[in-house]
Protein backbone atom coordinates (compact mmCIF):
# COMPACT_ATOMS: atom_id res chain seq x y z
CA UNK A 1 95.21 76.72 70.26
CA UNK A 2 92.02 77.99 71.93
CA UNK A 3 92.27 75.23 74.53
CA UNK A 4 95.82 76.29 75.40
CA UNK A 5 94.85 79.96 75.70
CA UNK A 6 91.89 79.20 77.96
CA UNK A 7 94.08 76.96 80.10
CA UNK A 8 96.75 79.64 80.44
CA UNK A 9 94.31 82.29 81.66
CA UNK A 10 92.58 79.83 83.97
CA UNK A 11 95.90 78.97 85.62
CA UNK A 12 96.69 82.69 85.97
CA UNK A 13 93.33 83.10 87.73
CA UNK A 14 94.19 80.25 90.09
CA UNK A 15 97.56 81.83 90.81
CA UNK A 16 95.84 85.09 91.80
CA UNK A 17 93.68 83.13 94.24
CA UNK A 18 96.82 81.49 95.65
CA UNK A 19 98.36 84.93 96.04
CA UNK A 20 95.25 86.10 97.92
CA UNK A 21 95.63 83.29 100.45
CA UNK A 22 99.30 84.14 100.99
CA UNK A 23 98.52 87.82 101.48
CA UNK A 24 95.81 87.00 104.01
CA UNK A 25 98.35 85.13 106.12
CA UNK A 26 101.08 87.76 105.79
CA UNK A 27 98.59 90.50 106.71
CA UNK A 28 97.37 88.40 109.66
CA UNK A 29 93.81 88.41 108.36
CA UNK A 30 93.71 84.66 108.87
CA UNK A 31 96.19 82.46 110.81
CA UNK A 32 98.29 79.89 108.98
CA UNK A 33 96.79 77.17 111.19
CA UNK A 34 93.49 77.52 109.30
CA UNK A 35 94.96 75.38 106.53
CA UNK A 36 93.78 72.29 108.44
CA UNK A 37 90.26 73.75 108.65
CA UNK A 38 90.29 74.53 104.94
CA UNK A 39 91.49 71.00 104.20
CA UNK A 40 88.70 69.46 106.30
CA UNK A 41 86.08 71.67 104.65
CA UNK A 42 87.31 70.64 101.21
CA UNK A 43 87.61 66.94 102.03
CA UNK A 44 84.30 66.47 103.85
CA UNK A 45 81.99 69.03 102.23
CA UNK A 46 83.11 70.92 99.13
CA UNK A 47 84.75 68.24 96.97
CA UNK A 48 82.04 65.63 97.70
CA UNK A 49 79.37 68.24 96.83
CA UNK A 50 81.18 69.13 93.62
CA UNK A 51 81.48 65.44 92.74
CA UNK A 52 77.77 64.79 93.27
CA UNK A 53 76.89 67.93 91.33
CA UNK A 54 78.91 66.71 88.36
CA UNK A 55 76.52 63.75 87.98
CA UNK A 56 73.38 65.90 88.02
CA UNK A 57 73.11 65.84 84.25
CA UNK A 58 70.58 64.35 81.88
CA UNK A 59 71.08 60.62 81.33
CA UNK A 60 72.20 59.42 77.93
CA UNK A 61 73.61 56.18 76.59
CA UNK A 62 76.52 58.00 74.98
CA UNK A 63 77.43 59.70 78.27
CA UNK A 64 77.31 56.34 80.06
CA UNK A 65 79.75 54.85 77.58
CA UNK A 66 81.98 57.91 77.95
CA UNK A 67 82.05 57.52 81.74
CA UNK A 68 83.19 53.93 81.31
CA UNK A 69 85.98 55.06 79.00
CA UNK A 70 86.98 57.73 81.53
CA UNK A 71 87.44 55.07 84.22
CA UNK A 72 89.51 52.92 81.86
CA UNK A 73 91.68 55.78 80.59
CA UNK A 74 92.27 57.00 84.16
CA UNK A 75 93.53 53.60 85.32
CA UNK A 76 95.79 53.47 82.27
CA UNK A 77 97.23 56.99 82.71
CA UNK A 78 97.80 56.74 86.46
CA UNK A 79 99.37 53.31 86.02
CA UNK A 80 101.87 54.85 83.61
CA UNK A 81 102.67 57.58 86.14
CA UNK A 82 103.18 55.06 88.94
CA UNK A 83 105.52 52.89 86.88
CA UNK A 84 107.61 55.88 85.77
CA UNK A 85 107.90 57.16 89.36
CA UNK A 86 108.95 53.77 90.69
CA UNK A 87 111.58 53.43 87.97
CA UNK A 88 112.91 56.98 88.34
CA UNK A 89 113.52 56.75 92.09
CA UNK A 90 115.06 53.32 92.68
CA UNK A 91 117.95 54.29 94.93
CA UNK A 92 117.33 53.67 98.62
CA UNK A 93 120.08 56.21 99.40
CA UNK A 94 117.64 59.02 98.59
CA UNK A 95 116.05 59.89 101.93
CA UNK A 96 113.11 61.48 100.14
CA UNK A 97 112.53 58.52 97.82
CA UNK A 98 109.05 57.72 99.18
CA UNK A 99 107.78 61.30 98.82
CA UNK A 100 109.42 61.64 95.39
CA UNK A 101 107.61 58.54 94.18
CA UNK A 102 104.36 59.73 95.71
CA UNK A 103 104.67 63.25 94.27
CA UNK A 104 105.54 61.90 90.84
CA UNK A 105 102.55 59.56 90.82
CA UNK A 106 99.70 61.68 92.18
CA UNK A 107 98.50 64.85 90.48
CA UNK A 108 96.55 67.69 92.07
CA UNK A 109 93.47 66.66 90.10
CA UNK A 110 90.68 67.75 92.45
CA UNK A 111 92.22 71.03 93.62
CA UNK A 112 93.85 72.20 90.39
CA UNK A 113 92.27 69.99 87.75
CA UNK A 114 88.54 70.38 88.41
CA UNK A 115 88.49 74.18 87.95
CA UNK A 116 90.38 73.79 84.67
CA UNK A 117 88.12 71.02 83.41
CA UNK A 118 85.02 73.02 84.32
CA UNK A 119 86.30 76.04 82.43
CA UNK A 120 87.37 74.02 79.38
CA UNK A 121 84.71 71.31 79.05
CA UNK A 122 81.79 72.38 81.26
CA UNK A 123 79.55 70.01 83.20
CA UNK A 124 80.22 67.07 80.89
CA UNK A 125 83.94 67.32 81.54
CA UNK A 126 83.35 67.24 85.30
CA UNK A 127 81.61 63.90 84.95
CA UNK A 128 84.71 62.44 83.30
CA UNK A 129 86.89 64.18 85.90
CA UNK A 130 84.87 62.53 88.68
CA UNK A 131 85.68 59.14 87.18
CA UNK A 132 89.37 60.08 87.25
CA UNK A 133 89.14 61.17 90.91
CA UNK A 134 87.45 57.88 91.80
CA UNK A 135 90.40 55.94 90.39
CA UNK A 136 92.75 58.47 92.02
CA UNK A 137 91.33 57.87 95.50
CA UNK A 138 91.38 54.10 95.18
CA UNK A 139 95.02 54.23 94.05
CA UNK A 140 95.85 56.84 96.70
CA UNK A 141 94.68 54.70 99.61
CA UNK A 142 96.26 51.51 98.26
CA UNK A 143 99.46 52.11 96.30
CA UNK A 144 99.83 55.63 97.70
CA UNK A 145 99.91 54.52 101.30
CA UNK A 146 102.17 51.65 100.29
CA UNK A 147 104.67 54.17 98.88
CA UNK A 148 104.95 56.25 102.05
CA UNK A 149 104.44 53.61 104.73
CA UNK A 150 106.06 50.23 105.20
CA UNK A 151 103.44 48.82 107.53
CA UNK A 152 99.83 48.85 106.37
CA UNK A 153 97.49 45.89 106.45
CA UNK A 154 95.02 45.17 103.68
CA UNK A 155 92.24 45.69 106.21
CA UNK A 156 93.58 49.13 107.08
CA UNK A 157 93.85 50.12 103.43
CA UNK A 158 90.29 48.99 102.69
CA UNK A 159 89.08 50.89 105.76
CA UNK A 160 90.70 54.08 104.45
CA UNK A 161 88.98 53.65 101.08
CA UNK A 162 85.59 53.08 102.70
CA UNK A 163 86.01 56.18 104.87
CA UNK A 164 86.91 58.49 101.96
CA UNK A 165 84.11 61.08 101.47
CA UNK A 166 84.79 61.45 97.75
CA UNK A 167 84.19 57.72 97.25
CA UNK A 168 80.81 58.08 98.99
CA UNK A 169 80.01 61.06 96.79
CA UNK A 170 80.88 59.16 93.62
CA UNK A 171 78.64 56.25 94.65
CA UNK A 172 75.77 58.65 95.36
CA UNK A 173 76.36 60.47 92.09
CA UNK A 174 76.45 57.27 90.04
CA UNK A 175 73.25 56.03 91.67
CA UNK A 176 71.51 59.31 90.91
CA UNK A 177 72.72 59.23 87.34
CA UNK A 178 72.19 55.58 86.40
CA UNK A 179 68.95 55.12 88.34
CA UNK A 180 67.74 58.51 87.07
CA UNK A 181 66.74 59.61 90.58
CA UNK A 182 65.07 63.04 90.48
CA UNK A 183 66.76 65.66 92.67
CA UNK A 184 64.70 68.68 93.85
CA UNK A 185 65.94 71.90 92.28
CA UNK A 186 66.50 73.56 95.65
CA UNK A 187 68.74 70.67 96.78
CA UNK A 188 70.58 70.63 93.47
CA UNK A 189 71.21 74.38 93.78
CA UNK A 190 72.59 74.01 97.31
CA UNK A 191 74.90 71.19 96.23
CA UNK A 192 76.02 73.27 93.24
CA UNK A 193 76.81 76.30 95.40
CA UNK A 194 78.85 74.19 97.81
CA UNK A 195 80.74 72.55 94.97
CA UNK A 196 81.54 75.93 93.40
CA UNK A 197 83.55 76.83 96.50
CA UNK A 198 86.28 74.38 95.49
CA UNK A 199 88.30 76.81 93.40
CA UNK A 200 88.67 79.74 95.85
CA UNK A 201 89.00 77.63 99.00
CA UNK A 202 91.53 75.13 97.62
CA UNK A 203 93.67 77.79 95.95
CA UNK A 204 93.67 80.01 99.03
CA UNK A 205 94.75 77.01 101.09
CA UNK A 206 97.72 76.59 98.77
CA UNK A 207 98.54 80.27 99.31
CA UNK A 208 98.42 79.76 103.08
CA UNK A 209 100.93 76.93 102.68
CA UNK A 210 103.21 79.13 100.56
CA UNK A 211 103.13 81.97 103.10
CA UNK A 212 104.36 79.74 105.91
CA UNK A 213 107.06 77.82 104.06
CA UNK A 214 110.79 78.38 103.89
CA UNK A 215 111.57 77.43 100.31
CA UNK A 216 115.16 78.66 100.17
CA UNK A 217 116.75 75.53 101.60
CA UNK A 218 114.84 72.99 99.56
CA UNK A 219 115.31 74.74 96.22
CA UNK A 220 118.85 73.31 96.07
CA UNK A 221 117.60 69.73 96.43
CA UNK A 222 118.08 67.94 93.11
CA UNK A 223 115.40 65.37 93.97
CA UNK A 224 112.84 68.17 94.18
CA UNK A 225 113.48 69.30 90.62
CA UNK A 226 113.68 65.75 89.32
CA UNK A 227 110.28 64.95 90.83
CA UNK A 228 108.72 68.13 89.47
CA UNK A 229 110.15 67.49 86.00
CA UNK A 230 108.75 63.97 86.14
CA UNK A 231 105.29 65.11 87.29
CA UNK A 232 104.91 68.09 84.96
CA UNK A 233 106.84 66.96 81.89
CA UNK A 234 107.78 63.28 81.63
CA UNK A 235 104.56 61.64 82.84
CA UNK A 236 102.24 63.84 80.71
CA UNK A 237 104.51 63.46 77.68
CA UNK A 238 104.62 59.67 77.94
CA UNK A 239 100.86 59.47 78.54
CA UNK A 240 100.11 61.68 75.53
CA UNK A 241 102.50 59.68 73.34
CA UNK A 242 100.98 56.35 74.41
CA UNK A 243 97.42 57.58 73.97
CA UNK A 244 98.26 58.95 70.51
CA UNK A 245 100.01 55.73 69.50
CA UNK A 246 96.95 53.72 70.51
CA UNK A 247 94.57 56.11 68.76
CA UNK A 248 92.88 57.18 72.00
CA UNK A 249 91.46 60.64 71.28
CA UNK A 250 88.46 62.82 71.97
CA UNK A 251 87.15 64.86 74.94
CA UNK A 252 87.32 61.97 77.43
CA UNK A 253 91.00 61.38 76.68
CA UNK A 254 91.70 65.13 76.81
CA UNK A 255 90.13 65.42 80.27
CA UNK A 256 92.14 62.49 81.62
CA UNK A 257 95.40 63.72 80.10
CA UNK A 258 94.95 67.26 81.41
CA UNK A 259 94.26 65.94 84.90
CA UNK A 260 97.34 63.72 84.68
CA UNK A 261 99.39 66.81 83.72
CA UNK A 262 98.46 68.67 86.92
CA UNK A 263 101.10 69.50 89.57
CA UNK A 264 101.90 67.40 92.64
CA UNK A 265 98.87 66.57 94.76
CA UNK A 266 98.26 68.81 97.77
CA UNK A 267 97.85 65.70 99.93
CA UNK A 268 101.58 65.01 99.41
CA UNK A 269 102.43 67.29 102.34
CA UNK A 270 99.65 65.78 104.47
CA UNK A 271 101.02 62.27 103.96
CA UNK A 272 104.54 63.52 104.66
CA UNK A 273 103.43 64.66 108.11
CA UNK A 274 101.34 61.58 108.79
CA UNK A 275 104.09 59.12 107.88
CA UNK A 276 107.02 61.15 109.25
CA UNK A 277 108.71 62.33 106.06
CA UNK A 278 110.18 65.80 105.42
CA UNK A 279 107.23 68.20 105.47
CA UNK A 280 109.13 71.14 103.94
CA UNK A 281 110.32 69.01 101.03
CA UNK A 282 106.78 67.77 100.36
CA UNK A 283 105.40 71.29 100.65
CA UNK A 284 108.02 72.51 98.20
CA UNK A 285 106.92 69.90 95.67
CA UNK A 286 103.33 71.11 95.88
CA UNK A 287 104.11 74.83 95.79
CA UNK A 288 106.77 74.94 93.08
CA UNK A 289 105.05 72.45 90.80
CA UNK A 290 101.84 74.47 91.12
CA UNK A 291 103.63 77.68 90.14
CA UNK A 292 105.42 76.04 87.21
CA UNK A 293 102.17 74.51 85.95
CA UNK A 294 101.24 78.01 84.78
CA UNK A 295 103.59 77.24 81.88
CA UNK A 296 103.34 73.46 81.53
CA UNK A 297 99.54 73.05 81.56
CA UNK A 298 98.96 75.38 78.59
CA UNK A 299 101.74 73.56 76.72
CA UNK A 300 100.00 70.26 77.45
CA UNK A 301 96.71 71.70 76.23
CA UNK A 302 98.40 72.90 73.03
CA UNK A 303 99.83 69.42 72.39
CA UNK A 304 96.37 67.91 72.86
CA UNK A 305 94.82 70.28 70.35
CA UNK A 306 97.50 69.38 67.81
């Protein structure tokens, strides 16, 4: 029960940060166009710094084994989500099929999940979360691009993976951790401060997106609600049931399952623009699923504690 209560208040806090971003746009304190600057700052500086910082912990054999389990559980959980999304949206008559499949598969783990994991599990939880994000990015730039684009070469996909800053950060973090490389305290502090910016910057960026969107038209789209129900309810429920049936329990499993229960990934709207899908529909998936996660994430946490 405590886990569910903490999750609920953490999501409320995130919602207040989202509201702040929306107000800043409406009051013309910052222009809506800054969302691209916020996204670049997050992608190239803040999230990589937070990822590296998560590995700046004391080495232990038990932690090493737990990281390995986190990688394995993440592949398993995201594979379940991908299969469910592919099966749920089979009809080619649905013009938003690609974005529906993408939104159902990829959770907002880095933007929404990391703040929750940090609040619930501390530094140790962030290490497991980094393993999840590593798997997330590999899947994102392979299967993810395959979902939204019909023409991508293997070379192009591999190039995208190599260019991903978070992948570089994970490699650096793993080297620091497993090789036990000492990091000067002043450098560690700087990396920690940069990483701590993830919560306010990412949530304000979501608020900027909300302020500039016309949600009225897309709220009547049945595919929107089907995708959100899949992402917030069906995928987490199936993952929890499968993990329970297989006896997979403990903090590592809880971290992975909570991340898998997060709303649609913020990059859904970015990919919609890049690959010429409906931007408003993709933005609606991100915004509405984020708002509804105020209810669904605490419920997921409660199920995990039971």
